[in-house]
C-alpha atoms as a PDB file:
ATOM      1  CA  UNK A   1       0.000   0.000   0.000  1.00  0.00           C
ATOM      2  CA  UNK A   2       1.477   3.315  -1.091  1.00  0.00           C
ATOM      3  CA  UNK A   3       1.234   6.210   1.370  1.00  0.00           C
ATOM      4  CA  UNK A   4       0.495   9.374  -0.604  1.00  0.00           C
ATOM      5  CA  UNK A   5      -0.282  13.027   0.045  1.00  0.00           C
ATOM      6  CA  UNK A   6      -2.673  13.967  -2.733  1.00  0.00           C
ATOM      7  CA  UNK A   7      -5.975  14.138  -0.810  1.00  0.00           C
ATOM      8  CA  UNK A   8      -6.949  17.029   1.441  1.00  0.00           C
ATOM      9  CA  UNK A   9      -7.725  15.165   4.670  1.00  0.00           C
ATOM     10  CA  UNK A  10      -9.467  18.123   6.326  1.00  0.00           C
ATOM     11  CA  UNK A  11     -11.896  18.624   3.434  1.00  0.00           C
ATOM     12  CA  UNK A  12     -12.402  14.871   2.997  1.00  0.00           C
ATOM     13  CA  UNK A  13     -13.082  14.395   6.715  1.00  0.00           C
ATOM     14  CA  UNK A  14     -15.676  17.189   6.670  1.00  0.00           C
ATOM     15  CA  UNK A  15     -17.363  15.718   3.591  1.00  0.00           C
ATOM     16  CA  UNK A  16     -17.484  12.207   5.084  1.00  0.00           C
ATOM     17  CA  UNK A  17     -18.872  13.503   8.386  1.00  0.00           C
ATOM     18  CA  UNK A  18     -21.681  15.190   6.433  1.00  0.00           C
ATOM     19  CA  UNK A  19     -22.374  12.417   3.915  1.00  0.00           C
ATOM     20  CA  UNK A  20     -21.304   8.969   5.172  1.00  0.00           C
ATOM     21  CA  UNK A  21     -23.633   7.460   7.771  1.00  0.00           C
ATOM     22  CA  UNK A  22     -21.801   6.463  10.953  1.00  0.00           C
ATOM     23  CA  UNK A  23     -18.480   8.007   9.920  1.00  0.00           C
ATOM     24  CA  UNK A  24     -16.169   9.216  12.674  1.00  0.00           C
ATOM     25  CA  UNK A  25     -12.698  10.674  12.124  1.00  0.00           C
ATOM     26  CA  UNK A  26      -9.834  11.279  12.171  1.00  0.00           C
ATOM     27  CA  UNK A  27      -8.843   9.526   8.947  1.00  0.00           C
ATOM     28  CA  UNK A  28      -5.695   8.366   7.211  1.00  0.00           C
ATOM     29  CA  UNK A  29      -5.375   6.996   3.706  1.00  0.00           C
ATOM     30  CA  UNK A  30      -3.109   5.031   1.376  1.00  0.00           C
ATOM     31  CA  UNK A  31      -3.301   4.415  -2.367  1.00  0.00           C
ATOM     32  CA  UNK A  32      -3.892   0.873  -3.596  1.00  0.00           C
ATOM     33  CA  UNK A  33      -1.150  -0.302  -5.975  1.00  0.00           C
ATOM     34  CA  UNK A  34      -1.953  -1.410  -9.491  1.00  0.00           C
ATOM     35  CA  UNK A  35      -2.961   0.058 -12.785  1.00  0.00           C
ATOM     36  CA  UNK A  36      -6.556   1.067 -12.111  1.00  0.00           C
ATOM     37  CA  UNK A  37      -7.482   3.923 -14.407  1.00  0.00           C
ATOM     38  CA  UNK A  38      -9.447   5.448 -11.524  1.00  0.00           C
ATOM     39  CA  UNK A  39      -7.059   5.973  -8.549  1.00  0.00           C
ATOM     40  CA  UNK A  40      -8.317   3.981  -5.566  1.00  0.00           C
ATOM     41  CA  UNK A  41      -7.524   4.579  -1.895  1.00  0.00           C
ATOM     42  CA  UNK A  42      -8.036   2.819   1.408  1.00  0.00           C
ATOM     43  CA  UNK A  43      -9.440   5.182   4.037  1.00  0.00           C
ATOM     44  CA  UNK A  44      -8.968   4.220   7.705  1.00  0.00           C
ATOM     45  CA  UNK A  45     -10.963   6.070  10.339  1.00  0.00           C
ATOM     46  CA  UNK A  46     -12.174   5.612  13.891  1.00  0.00           C
ATOM     47  CA  UNK A  47     -15.441   4.263  12.457  1.00  0.00           C
ATOM     48  CA  UNK A  48     -13.759   1.651  10.245  1.00  0.00           C
ATOM     49  CA  UNK A  49     -12.233   1.206   6.800  1.00  0.00           C
ATOM     50  CA  UNK A  50     -13.576   2.522   3.483  1.00  0.00           C
ATOM     51  CA  UNK A  51     -12.562   2.668  -0.177  1.00  0.00           C
ATOM     52  CA  UNK A  52     -12.464   5.910  -2.187  1.00  0.00           C
ATOM     53  CA  UNK A  53     -12.357   5.957  -5.991  1.00  0.00           C
ATOM     54  CA  UNK A  54     -11.704   9.208  -7.818  1.00  0.00           C
ATOM     55  CA  UNK A  55     -11.100  10.409 -11.344  1.00  0.00           C
ATOM     56  CA  UNK A  56      -7.426  10.562 -12.359  1.00  0.00           C
ATOM     57  CA  UNK A  57      -5.454  13.782 -12.217  1.00  0.00           C
ATOM     58  CA  UNK A  58      -5.013  15.957 -15.288  1.00  0.00           C
ATOM     59  CA  UNK A  59      -7.191  16.677 -18.353  1.00  0.00           C
ATOM     60  CA  UNK A  60      -9.672  13.944 -19.318  1.00  0.00           C
ATOM     61  CA  UNK A  61     -12.046  13.189 -22.152  1.00  0.00           C
ATOM     62  CA  UNK A  62     -15.592  14.298 -21.194  1.00  0.00           C
ATOM     63  CA  UNK A  63     -17.027  10.772 -20.903  1.00  0.00           C
ATOM     64  CA  UNK A  64     -13.905   9.053 -19.510  1.00  0.00           C
ATOM     65  CA  UNK A  65     -13.493   7.805 -15.945  1.00  0.00           C
ATOM     66  CA  UNK A  66     -17.141   8.375 -15.088  1.00  0.00           C
ATOM     67  CA  UNK A  67     -17.027   7.530 -11.386  1.00  0.00           C
ATOM     68  CA  UNK A  68     -20.568   8.884 -11.028  1.00  0.00           C
ATOM     69  CA  UNK A  69     -21.758   6.169 -13.449  1.00  0.00           C
ATOM     70  CA  UNK A  70     -19.834   3.502 -11.563  1.00  0.00           C
ATOM     71  CA  UNK A  71     -21.357   4.655  -8.285  1.00  0.00           C
ATOM     72  CA  UNK A  72     -24.852   4.631  -9.754  1.00  0.00           C
ATOM     73  CA  UNK A  73     -24.387   1.025 -10.908  1.00  0.00           C
ATOM     74  CA  UNK A  74     -23.143  -0.158  -7.497  1.00  0.00           C
ATOM     75  CA  UNK A  75     -25.924   1.751  -5.713  1.00  0.00           C
ATOM     76  CA  UNK A  76     -28.490   0.126  -8.001  1.00  0.00           C
ATOM     77  CA  UNK A  77     -27.085  -3.391  -7.675  1.00  0.00           C
ATOM     78  CA  UNK A  78     -26.411  -3.484  -3.923  1.00  0.00           C
ATOM     79  CA  UNK A  79     -30.068  -3.685  -2.806  1.00  0.00           C
ATOM     80  CA  UNK A  80     -30.702  -6.587  -5.237  1.00  0.00           C
ATOM     81  CA  UNK A  81     -28.318  -8.852  -3.319  1.00  0.00           C
ATOM     82  CA  UNK A  82     -25.730  -9.014  -6.070  1.00  0.00           C
ATOM     83  CA  UNK A  83     -22.258  -8.977  -4.444  1.00  0.00           C
ATOM     84  CA  UNK A  84     -20.920  -5.435  -4.731  1.00  0.00           C
ATOM     85  CA  UNK A  85     -19.501  -3.224  -1.968  1.00  0.00           C
ATOM     86  CA  UNK A  86     -21.991  -1.139   0.008  1.00  0.00           C
ATOM     87  CA  UNK A  87     -22.090   2.394  -1.488  1.00  0.00           C
ATOM     88  CA  UNK A  88     -21.721   5.225   1.035  1.00  0.00           C
ATOM     89  CA  UNK A  89     -21.744   8.402  -1.015  1.00  0.00           C
ATOM     90  CA  UNK A  90     -20.890  10.214  -4.249  1.00  0.00           C
ATOM     91  CA  UNK A  91     -19.251  13.655  -4.357  1.00  0.00           C
ATOM     92  CA  UNK A  92     -19.378  15.572  -7.641  1.00  0.00           C
ATOM     93  CA  UNK A  93     -17.791  18.710  -6.158  1.00  0.00           C
ATOM     94  CA  UNK A  94     -14.198  19.004  -7.455  1.00  0.00           C
ATOM     95  CA  UNK A  95     -13.377  21.207  -4.485  1.00  0.00           C
ATOM     96  CA  UNK A  96     -13.076  18.356  -1.970  1.00  0.00           C
ATOM     97  CA  UNK A  97     -10.287  16.155  -3.417  1.00  0.00           C
ATOM     98  CA  UNK A  98      -9.795  17.816  -6.821  1.00  0.00           C
ATOM     99  CA  UNK A  99     -12.237  15.681  -8.794  1.00  0.00           C
ATOM    100  CA  UNK A 100     -15.462  13.707  -8.472  1.00  0.00           C
ATOM    101  CA  UNK A 101     -15.158  10.644  -6.204  1.00  0.00           C
ATOM    102  CA  UNK A 102     -17.223   8.091  -4.358  1.00  0.00           C
ATOM    103  CA  UNK A 103     -16.836   6.155  -1.124  1.00  0.00           C
ATOM    104  CA  UNK A 104     -17.815   2.523  -0.645  1.00  0.00           C
ATOM    105  CA  UNK A 105     -17.347  -0.296   1.822  1.00  0.00           C
ATOM    106  CA  UNK A 106     -13.959  -2.013   2.111  1.00  0.00           C
ATOM    107  CA  UNK A 107     -14.771  -5.693   1.511  1.00  0.00           C
ATOM    108  CA  UNK A 108     -12.396  -8.016   3.339  1.00  0.00           C
ATOM    109  CA  UNK A 109     -11.320 -11.147   1.495  1.00  0.00           C
ATOM    110  CA  UNK A 110      -8.869 -12.476  -1.071  1.00  0.00           C
ATOM    111  CA  UNK A 111      -8.259 -11.738  -4.757  1.00  0.00           C
ATOM    112  CA  UNK A 112      -6.944 -14.514  -6.995  1.00  0.00           C
ATOM    113  CA  UNK A 113      -4.568 -13.006  -9.538  1.00  0.00           C
ATOM    114  CA  UNK A 114      -3.610 -16.351 -11.103  1.00  0.00           C
ATOM    115  CA  UNK A 115      -6.489 -18.142 -12.813  1.00  0.00           C
ATOM    116  CA  UNK A 116      -4.641 -21.459 -12.455  1.00  0.00           C
ATOM    117  CA  UNK A 117      -5.248 -21.255  -8.664  1.00  0.00           C
ATOM    118  CA  UNK A 118      -1.984 -23.106  -7.945  1.00  0.00           C
ATOM    119  CA  UNK A 119      -2.543 -23.213  -4.171  1.00  0.00           C
ATOM    120  CA  UNK A 120      -5.988 -24.828  -4.396  1.00  0.00           C
ATOM    121  CA  UNK A 121      -7.115 -28.453  -4.624  1.00  0.00           C
ATOM    122  CA  UNK A 122      -9.034 -29.645  -7.724  1.00  0.00           C
ATOM    123  CA  UNK A 123     -12.295 -29.590  -5.732  1.00  0.00           C
ATOM    124  CA  UNK A 124     -11.630 -26.030  -4.570  1.00  0.00           C
ATOM    125  CA  UNK A 125     -10.869 -24.915  -8.143  1.00  0.00           C
ATOM    126  CA  UNK A 126     -14.126 -26.449  -9.366  1.00  0.00           C
ATOM    127  CA  UNK A 127     -16.083 -24.657  -6.632  1.00  0.00           C
ATOM    128  CA  UNK A 128     -14.416 -21.298  -7.362  1.00  0.00           C
ATOM    129  CA  UNK A 129     -15.077 -21.486 -11.112  1.00  0.00           C
ATOM    130  CA  UNK A 130     -18.673 -22.597 -10.518  1.00  0.00           C
ATOM    131  CA  UNK A 131     -19.102 -19.556  -8.269  1.00  0.00           C
ATOM    132  CA  UNK A 132     -17.639 -17.253 -10.943  1.00  0.00           C
ATOM    133  CA  UNK A 133     -20.094 -18.689 -13.473  1.00  0.00           C
ATOM    134  CA  UNK A 134     -23.064 -18.494 -11.102  1.00  0.00           C
ATOM    135  CA  UNK A 135     -22.416 -14.867 -10.163  1.00  0.00           C
ATOM    136  CA  UNK A 136     -22.218 -13.888 -13.828  1.00  0.00           C
ATOM    137  CA  UNK A 137     -25.507 -15.682 -14.431  1.00  0.00           C
ATOM    138  CA  UNK A 138     -26.960 -13.840 -11.409  1.00  0.00           C
ATOM    139  CA  UNK A 139     -25.832 -10.498 -12.855  1.00  0.00           C
ATOM    140  CA  UNK A 140     -27.401 -11.310 -16.214  1.00  0.00           C
ATOM    141  CA  UNK A 141     -30.663 -12.340 -14.503  1.00  0.00           C
ATOM    142  CA  UNK A 142     -30.831  -9.144 -12.417  1.00  0.00           C
ATOM    143  CA  UNK A 143     -33.872  -6.967 -13.099  1.00  0.00           C
ATOM    144  CA  UNK A 144     -32.042  -3.844 -14.248  1.00  0.00           C
ATOM    145  CA  UNK A 145     -35.283  -1.869 -14.531  1.00  0.00           C
ATOM    146  CA  UNK A 146     -36.168  -2.744 -10.944  1.00  0.00           C
ATOM    147  CA  UNK A 147     -32.677  -1.622  -9.938  1.00  0.00           C
ATOM    148  CA  UNK A 148     -33.330   1.803 -11.482  1.00  0.00           C
ATOM    149  CA  UNK A 149     -30.896   1.198 -14.344  1.00  0.00           C
ATOM    150  CA  UNK A 150     -33.253   1.090 -17.347  1.00  0.00           C
ATOM    151  CA  UNK A 151     -31.421   4.045 -18.930  1.00  0.00           C
ATOM    152  CA  UNK A 152     -27.905   2.845 -18.034  1.00  0.00           C
ATOM    153  CA  UNK A 153     -27.163   2.044 -21.693  1.00  0.00           C
ATOM    154  CA  UNK A 154     -28.812   1.400 -25.039  1.00  0.00           C
ATOM    155  CA  UNK A 155     -30.501  -1.987 -24.725  1.00  0.00           C
ATOM    156  CA  UNK A 156     -30.313  -3.264 -28.336  1.00  0.00           C
ATOM    157  CA  UNK A 157     -27.787  -3.649 -31.172  1.00  0.00           C
ATOM    158  CA  UNK A 158     -24.940  -4.030 -28.689  1.00  0.00           C
ATOM    159  CA  UNK A 159     -22.476  -5.875 -30.909  1.00  0.00           C
ATOM    160  CA  UNK A 160     -23.353  -3.750 -33.931  1.00  0.00           C
ATOM    161  CA  UNK A 161     -22.297  -0.670 -31.959  1.00  0.00           C
ATOM    162  CA  UNK A 162     -19.242  -2.408 -30.544  1.00  0.00           C
ATOM    163  CA  UNK A 163     -18.009  -3.575 -33.957  1.00  0.00           C
ATOM    164  CA  UNK A 164     -18.475  -0.051 -35.305  1.00  0.00           C
ATOM    165  CA  UNK A 165     -16.710   1.512 -32.336  1.00  0.00           C
ATOM    166  CA  UNK A 166     -13.632  -0.726 -32.432  1.00  0.00           C
ATOM    167  CA  UNK A 167     -13.379  -0.564 -36.224  1.00  0.00           C
ATOM    168  CA  UNK A 168     -13.292   3.216 -35.920  1.00  0.00           C
ATOM    169  CA  UNK A 169     -10.689   3.018 -33.139  1.00  0.00           C
ATOM    170  CA  UNK A 170      -8.532   0.731 -35.265  1.00  0.00           C
ATOM    171  CA  UNK A 171      -8.775   3.017 -38.299  1.00  0.00           C
ATOM    172  CA  UNK A 172      -7.802   6.058 -36.227  1.00  0.00           C
ATOM    173  CA  UNK A 173      -4.673   4.288 -34.970  1.00  0.00           C
ATOM    174  CA  UNK A 174      -3.854   2.143 -38.022  1.00  0.00           C
ATOM    175  CA  UNK A 175      -0.178   2.009 -39.031  1.00  0.00           C
ATOM    176  CA  UNK A 176       0.031  -1.114 -41.225  1.00  0.00           C
ATOM    177  CA  UNK A 177      -2.011  -3.032 -43.769  1.00  0.00           C
ATOM    178  CA  UNK A 178      -3.010  -6.346 -42.208  1.00  0.00           C
ATOM    179  CA  UNK A 179      -5.053  -8.604 -44.515  1.00  0.00           C
ATOM    180  CA  UNK A 180      -6.710 -10.385 -41.567  1.00  0.00           C
ATOM    181  CA  UNK A 181      -7.829  -7.077 -40.050  1.00  0.00           C
ATOM    182  CA  UNK A 182      -9.395  -6.017 -43.358  1.00  0.00           C
ATOM    183  CA  UNK A 183     -11.234  -9.348 -43.628  1.00  0.00           C
ATOM    184  CA  UNK A 184     -12.559  -8.972 -40.084  1.00  0.00           C
ATOM    185  CA  UNK A 185     -13.746  -5.402 -40.720  1.00  0.00           C
ATOM    186  CA  UNK A 186     -15.804  -6.745 -43.624  1.00  0.00           C
ATOM    187  CA  UNK A 187     -16.927  -9.997 -41.966  1.00  0.00           C
ATOM    188  CA  UNK A 188     -17.900  -8.950 -38.420  1.00  0.00           C
ATOM    189  CA  UNK A 189     -20.717  -6.484 -39.267  1.00  0.00           C
ATOM    190  CA  UNK A 190     -22.040  -8.825 -41.963  1.00  0.00           C
ATOM    191  CA  UNK A 191     -22.390 -11.777 -39.572  1.00  0.00           C
ATOM    192  CA  UNK A 192     -23.663 -10.140 -36.378  1.00  0.00           C
ATOM    193  CA  UNK A 193     -25.411 -12.714 -34.145  1.00  0.00           C
ATOM    194  CA  UNK A 194     -28.947 -11.771 -33.082  1.00  0.00           C
ATOM    195  CA  UNK A 195     -29.250 -10.235 -29.615  1.00  0.00           C
ATOM    196  CA  UNK A 196     -31.925 -12.244 -27.816  1.00  0.00           C
ATOM    197  CA  UNK A 197     -31.471 -10.819 -24.325  1.00  0.00           C
ATOM    198  CA  UNK A 198     -30.463  -7.561 -22.671  1.00  0.00           C
ATOM    199  CA  UNK A 199     -28.784  -7.396 -19.277  1.00  0.00           C
ATOM    200  CA  UNK A 200     -26.301  -5.447 -17.225  1.00  0.00           C
ATOM    201  CA  UNK A 201     -22.896  -6.155 -18.793  1.00  0.00           C
ATOM    202  CA  UNK A 202     -19.824  -5.846 -16.564  1.00  0.00           C
ATOM    203  CA  UNK A 203     -17.386  -5.395 -19.449  1.00  0.00           C
ATOM    204  CA  UNK A 204     -14.278  -6.829 -17.756  1.00  0.00           C
ATOM    205  CA  UNK A 205     -15.556  -9.902 -15.914  1.00  0.00           C
ATOM    206  CA  UNK A 206     -12.632 -12.074 -14.860  1.00  0.00           C
ATOM    207  CA  UNK A 207     -11.288 -13.792 -11.745  1.00  0.00           C
ATOM    208  CA  UNK A 208      -8.979 -10.956 -10.636  1.00  0.00           C
ATOM    209  CA  UNK A 209     -11.815  -8.411 -10.554  1.00  0.00           C
ATOM    210  CA  UNK A 210     -13.484 -10.195  -7.632  1.00  0.00           C
ATOM    211  CA  UNK A 211     -12.989 -10.478  -3.886  1.00  0.00           C
ATOM    212  CA  UNK A 212     -13.583 -13.980  -2.531  1.00  0.00           C
ATOM    213  CA  UNK A 213     -14.258 -15.137   0.986  1.00  0.00           C
ATOM    214  CA  UNK A 214     -11.007 -16.279   2.595  1.00  0.00           C
ATOM    215  CA  UNK A 215     -12.337 -19.684   3.672  1.00  0.00           C
ATOM    216  CA  UNK A 216     -15.022 -20.526   1.098  1.00  0.00           C
ATOM    217  CA  UNK A 217     -15.456 -20.150  -2.690  1.00  0.00           C
ATOM    218  CA  UNK A 218     -18.057 -17.377  -2.230  1.00  0.00           C
ATOM    219  CA  UNK A 219     -17.635 -14.141  -4.190  1.00  0.00           C
ATOM    220  CA  UNK A 220     -18.060 -11.312  -1.679  1.00  0.00           C
ATOM    221  CA  UNK A 221     -17.729  -8.468  -4.206  1.00  0.00           C
ATOM    222  CA  UNK A 222     -17.343  -7.930  -7.942  1.00  0.00           C
ATOM    223  CA  UNK A 223     -15.217  -4.833  -8.605  1.00  0.00           C
ATOM    224  CA  UNK A 224     -14.148  -2.517 -11.451  1.00  0.00           C
ATOM    225  CA  UNK A 225     -17.384  -1.567 -13.198  1.00  0.00           C
ATOM    226  CA  UNK A 226     -15.802   1.116 -15.401  1.00  0.00           C
ATOM    227  CA  UNK A 227     -16.868  -0.607 -18.654  1.00  0.00           C
ATOM    228  CA  UNK A 228     -20.352  -1.611 -17.503  1.00  0.00           C
ATOM    229  CA  UNK A 229     -23.470  -0.853 -19.540  1.00  0.00           C
ATOM    230  CA  UNK A 230     -26.677  -2.470 -20.737  1.00  0.00           C
ATOM    231  CA  UNK A 231     -26.032  -4.904 -23.556  1.00  0.00           C
ATOM    232  CA  UNK A 232     -25.850  -8.474 -24.751  1.00  0.00           C
ATOM    233  CA  UNK A 233     -24.950 -10.838 -21.879  1.00  0.00           C
ATOM    234  CA  UNK A 234     -23.001 -12.956 -24.364  1.00  0.00           C
ATOM    235  CA  UNK A 235     -20.380 -10.176 -24.324  1.00  0.00           C
ATOM    236  CA  UNK A 236     -19.492 -10.970 -20.694  1.00  0.00           C
ATOM    237  CA  UNK A 237     -19.803 -14.735 -21.005  1.00  0.00           C
ATOM    238  CA  UNK A 238     -17.623 -14.999 -24.109  1.00  0.00           C
ATOM    239  CA  UNK A 239     -15.101 -12.560 -22.576  1.00  0.00           C
ATOM    240  CA  UNK A 240     -14.831 -14.804 -19.511  1.00  0.00           C
ATOM    241  CA  UNK A 241     -14.410 -17.930 -21.652  1.00  0.00           C
ATOM    242  CA  UNK A 242     -11.599 -16.348 -23.696  1.00  0.00           C
ATOM    243  CA  UNK A 243      -9.424 -17.092 -20.650  1.00  0.00           C
ATOM    244  CA  UNK A 244      -9.637 -20.782 -21.635  1.00  0.00           C
ATOM    245  CA  UNK A 245      -7.748 -19.824 -24.834  1.00  0.00           C
ATOM    246  CA  UNK A 246      -5.332 -17.336 -23.238  1.00  0.00           C
ATOM    247  CA  UNK A 247      -1.879 -18.642 -22.213  1.00  0.00           C
ATOM    248  CA  UNK A 248      -1.492 -19.435 -18.524  1.00  0.00           C
ATOM    249  CA  UNK A 249       1.114 -16.954 -17.321  1.00  0.00           C
ATOM    250  CA  UNK A 250       0.153 -16.052 -13.752  1.00  0.00           C
ATOM    251  CA  UNK A 251      -2.814 -13.959 -14.907  1.00  0.00           C
ATOM    252  CA  UNK A 252      -6.430 -14.906 -15.682  1.00  0.00           C
ATOM    253  CA  UNK A 253      -5.441 -17.085 -18.675  1.00  0.00           C
ATOM    254  CA  UNK A 254      -5.837 -20.851 -18.201  1.00  0.00           C
ATOM    255  CA  UNK A 255      -5.282 -22.326 -21.695  1.00  0.00           C
ATOM    256  CA  UNK A 256      -4.638 -26.052 -21.523  1.00  0.00           C
ATOM    257  CA  UNK A 257      -5.409 -26.359 -17.805  1.00  0.00           C
ATOM    258  CA  UNK A 258      -9.096 -27.326 -17.756  1.00  0.00           C
ATOM    259  CA  UNK A 259     -10.145 -30.886 -17.019  1.00  0.00           C
ATOM    260  CA  UNK A 260     -10.658 -33.423 -14.248  1.00  0.00           C
ATOM    261  CA  UNK A 261      -7.004 -33.408 -13.165  1.00  0.00           C
ATOM    262  CA  UNK A 262      -6.934 -29.679 -12.379  1.00  0.00           C
ATOM    263  CA  UNK A 263     -10.569 -29.375 -11.355  1.00  0.00           C
ATOM    264  CA  UNK A 264     -11.012 -26.321 -13.598  1.00  0.00           C
ATOM    265  CA  UNK A 265     -14.251 -26.859 -15.569  1.00  0.00           C
ATOM    266  CA  UNK A 266     -14.048 -27.152 -19.344  1.00  0.00           C
ATOM    267  CA  UNK A 267     -15.648 -24.574 -21.644  1.00  0.00           C
ATOM    268  CA  UNK A 268     -18.467 -27.073 -22.303  1.00  0.00           C
ATOM    269  CA  UNK A 269     -19.108 -27.501 -18.568  1.00  0.00           C
ATOM    270  CA  UNK A 270     -19.168 -23.724 -18.050  1.00  0.00           C
ATOM    271  CA  UNK A 271     -21.647 -23.344 -20.925  1.00  0.00           C
ATOM    272  CA  UNK A 272     -23.859 -26.074 -19.489  1.00  0.00           C
ATOM    273  CA  UNK A 273     -23.862 -24.495 -16.036  1.00  0.00           C
ATOM    274  CA  UNK A 274     -24.477 -20.948 -17.322  1.00  0.00           C
ATOM    275  CA  UNK A 275     -27.380 -22.131 -19.478  1.00  0.00           C
ATOM    276  CA  UNK A 276     -28.928 -24.058 -16.588  1.00  0.00           C
ATOM    277  CA  UNK A 277     -28.877 -20.991 -14.297  1.00  0.00           C
ATOM    278  CA  UNK A 278     -30.075 -18.516 -16.946  1.00  0.00           C
ATOM    279  CA  UNK A 279     -32.707 -20.824 -18.471  1.00  0.00           C
ATOM    280  CA  UNK A 280     -31.130 -20.860 -21.938  1.00  0.00           C
ATOM    281  CA  UNK A 281     -31.530 -23.839 -24.260  1.00  0.00           C
ATOM    282  CA  UNK A 282     -28.008 -23.199 -25.523  1.00  0.00           C
ATOM    283  CA  UNK A 283     -25.807 -20.393 -26.747  1.00  0.00           C
ATOM    284  CA  UNK A 284     -24.817 -19.223 -30.239  1.00  0.00           C
ATOM    285  CA  UNK A 285     -21.507 -20.216 -31.809  1.00  0.00           C
ATOM    286  CA  UNK A 286     -18.856 -18.857 -29.428  1.00  0.00           C
ATOM    287  CA  UNK A 287     -16.320 -18.512 -32.225  1.00  0.00           C
ATOM    288  CA  UNK A 288     -17.971 -15.318 -33.536  1.00  0.00           C
ATOM    289  CA  UNK A 289     -17.713 -13.731 -30.078  1.00  0.00           C
ATOM    290  CA  UNK A 290     -14.110 -14.888 -29.680  1.00  0.00           C
ATOM    291  CA  UNK A 291     -13.278 -13.394 -33.101  1.00  0.00           C
ATOM    292  CA  UNK A 292     -14.811 -10.091 -32.011  1.00  0.00           C
ATOM    293  CA  UNK A 293     -13.014 -10.230 -28.630  1.00  0.00           C
ATOM    294  CA  UNK A 294      -9.626 -10.667 -30.306  1.00  0.00           C
ATOM    295  CA  UNK A 295     -10.487  -7.923 -32.831  1.00  0.00           C
ATOM    296  CA  UNK A 296     -11.359  -5.556 -29.964  1.00  0.00           C
ATOM    297  CA  UNK A 297      -8.091  -6.389 -28.223  1.00  0.00           C
ATOM    298  CA  UNK A 298      -6.233  -5.876 -31.513  1.00  0.00           C
ATOM    299  CA  UNK A 299      -7.756  -2.396 -31.810  1.00  0.00           C
ATOM    300  CA  UNK A 300      -6.760  -1.507 -28.237  1.00  0.00           C
ATOM    301  CA  UNK A 301      -3.188  -2.720 -28.790  1.00  0.00           C
ATOM    302  CA  UNK A 302      -3.027  -0.882 -32.128  1.00  0.00           C
ATOM    303  CA  UNK A 303      -3.803   2.294 -30.188  1.00  0.00           C
ATOM    304  CA  UNK A 304      -0.857   1.586 -27.868  1.00  0.00           C
ATOM    305  CA  UNK A 305       1.343   1.004 -30.929  1.00  0.00           C
ATOM    306  CA  UNK A 306       0.281   4.307 -32.476  1.00  0.00           C
ATOM    307  CA  UNK A 307       1.020   6.201 -29.269  1.00  0.00           C
ATOM    308  CA  UNK A 308       4.418   4.510 -29.086  1.00  0.00           C
ATOM    309  CA  UNK A 309       5.264   5.475 -32.667  1.00  0.00           C
ATOM    310  CA  UNK A 310       4.105   9.029 -31.943  1.00  0.00           C
ATOM    311  CA  UNK A 311       6.490   9.104 -28.985  1.00  0.00           C
ATOM    312  CA  UNK A 312       3.805   9.089 -26.300  1.00  0.00           C
ATOM    313  CA  UNK A 313       4.368   5.554 -24.989  1.00  0.00           C
ATOM    314  CA  UNK A 314       8.016   4.823 -25.664  1.00  0.00           C
ATOM    315  CA  UNK A 315       8.749   2.111 -23.148  1.00  0.00           C
ATOM    316  CA  UNK A 316       9.642  -1.553 -23.443  1.00  0.00           C
ATOM    317  CA  UNK A 317       6.153  -2.674 -22.427  1.00  0.00           C
ATOM    318  CA  UNK A 318       4.550  -0.573 -25.159  1.00  0.00           C
ATOM    319  CA  UNK A 319       6.899  -2.075 -27.763  1.00  0.00           C
ATOM    320  CA  UNK A 320       6.058  -5.567 -26.491  1.00  0.00           C
ATOM    321  CA  UNK A 321       2.334  -4.799 -26.802  1.00  0.00           C
ATOM    322  CA  UNK A 322       2.733  -3.259 -30.257  1.00  0.00           C
ATOM    323  CA  UNK A 323       4.386  -6.392 -31.599  1.00  0.00           C
ATOM    324  CA  UNK A 324       1.197  -8.368 -30.794  1.00  0.00           C
ATOM    325  CA  UNK A 325      -1.072  -6.615 -33.309  1.00  0.00           C
ATOM    326  CA  UNK A 326      -0.498  -9.057 -36.238  1.00  0.00           C
ATOM    327  CA  UNK A 327      -0.801 -12.033 -33.885  1.00  0.00           C
ATOM    328  CA  UNK A 328      -4.120 -10.780 -32.496  1.00  0.00           C
ATOM    329  CA  UNK A 329      -5.447 -10.139 -36.018  1.00  0.00           C
ATOM    330  CA  UNK A 330      -4.459 -13.680 -37.014  1.00  0.00           C
ATOM    331  CA  UNK A 331      -6.076 -15.155 -33.876  1.00  0.00           C
ATOM    332  CA  UNK A 332      -9.286 -13.233 -34.541  1.00  0.00           C
ATOM    333  CA  UNK A 333      -9.420 -14.412 -38.145  1.00  0.00           C
ATOM    334  CA  UNK A 334      -8.843 -18.043 -37.050  1.00  0.00           C
ATOM    335  CA  UNK A 335     -11.877 -17.819 -34.776  1.00  0.00           C
ATOM    336  CA  UNK A 336     -13.825 -16.213 -37.646  1.00  0.00           C
ATOM    337  CA  UNK A 337     -12.927 -19.138 -39.890  1.00  0.00           C
ATOM    338  CA  UNK A 338     -14.109 -21.546 -37.174  1.00  0.00           C
ATOM    339  CA  UNK A 339     -17.381 -19.608 -37.226  1.00  0.00           C
ATOM    340  CA  UNK A 340     -17.684 -20.205 -40.987  1.00  0.00           C
ATOM    341  CA  UNK A 341     -15.933 -17.196 -42.516  1.00  0.00           C
END
């Protein structure tokens, strides 16, 4: 935990006394490590521990880092019983800490950064992955209108908008002519799967964005709702399953690890469980969604490459990312071919 001096403790204490039920100072704070795009702090006070999330410092795009949106989502979900931290308050006055921020409960538990779960038994791994699947199904079954989130996003044509958005992003950052990328830009909008359901979509649903109970497989809180919206639940489910095709390297990727020996369910077992909980007869061909997922990632990495070439991201990590663009395009096109391209 990094001790920092970028929050005005006097102003923050006064705001929390006025807006957070049961709060009692004095308070201290420390910044959580990691690459969250919204800086996140642990607040310790006489009344207990809290978490504060704020917009980053410096100039921002108008719609970026919308902590007010994130807070609204958590405040809507919490009363439904879905596992999110308890929301305590939103401050849209830049005068308190220099930007909008919100305060929520600090949920005690453990985060699993390595999807392989090397310290768990096969039975424990099975239980944890079943819980991940069940909580996603619960999210997708949540009555978003009842939660006051009916206008949280456009309900239809989710993938049509997503394909258009990431094609535009790729074009804006394009530096090379990649035949596979051109084929995907033609193929994806022409083969859009029908959207049969609308739900809350997390947007980045994976094992390391959750806090688990220390002693049981229970998810106590799902975190990092920055990309959430209303959309096609298949976006989240296929995004989660891409980890089964992502190399196991100490992150969420678990390619080649699923099966009885490890206890990690197979893709087919995850599909069966998700369908049983959500009442689906089956799901469309996953290969289309995987092709889109790799295309989206390709567009994001192309943006990093463009910034690197422009001199705005000239570090070794950026160069490593940039080199992946052709590989991601090829992966996406392979999935497209599996889907009948």
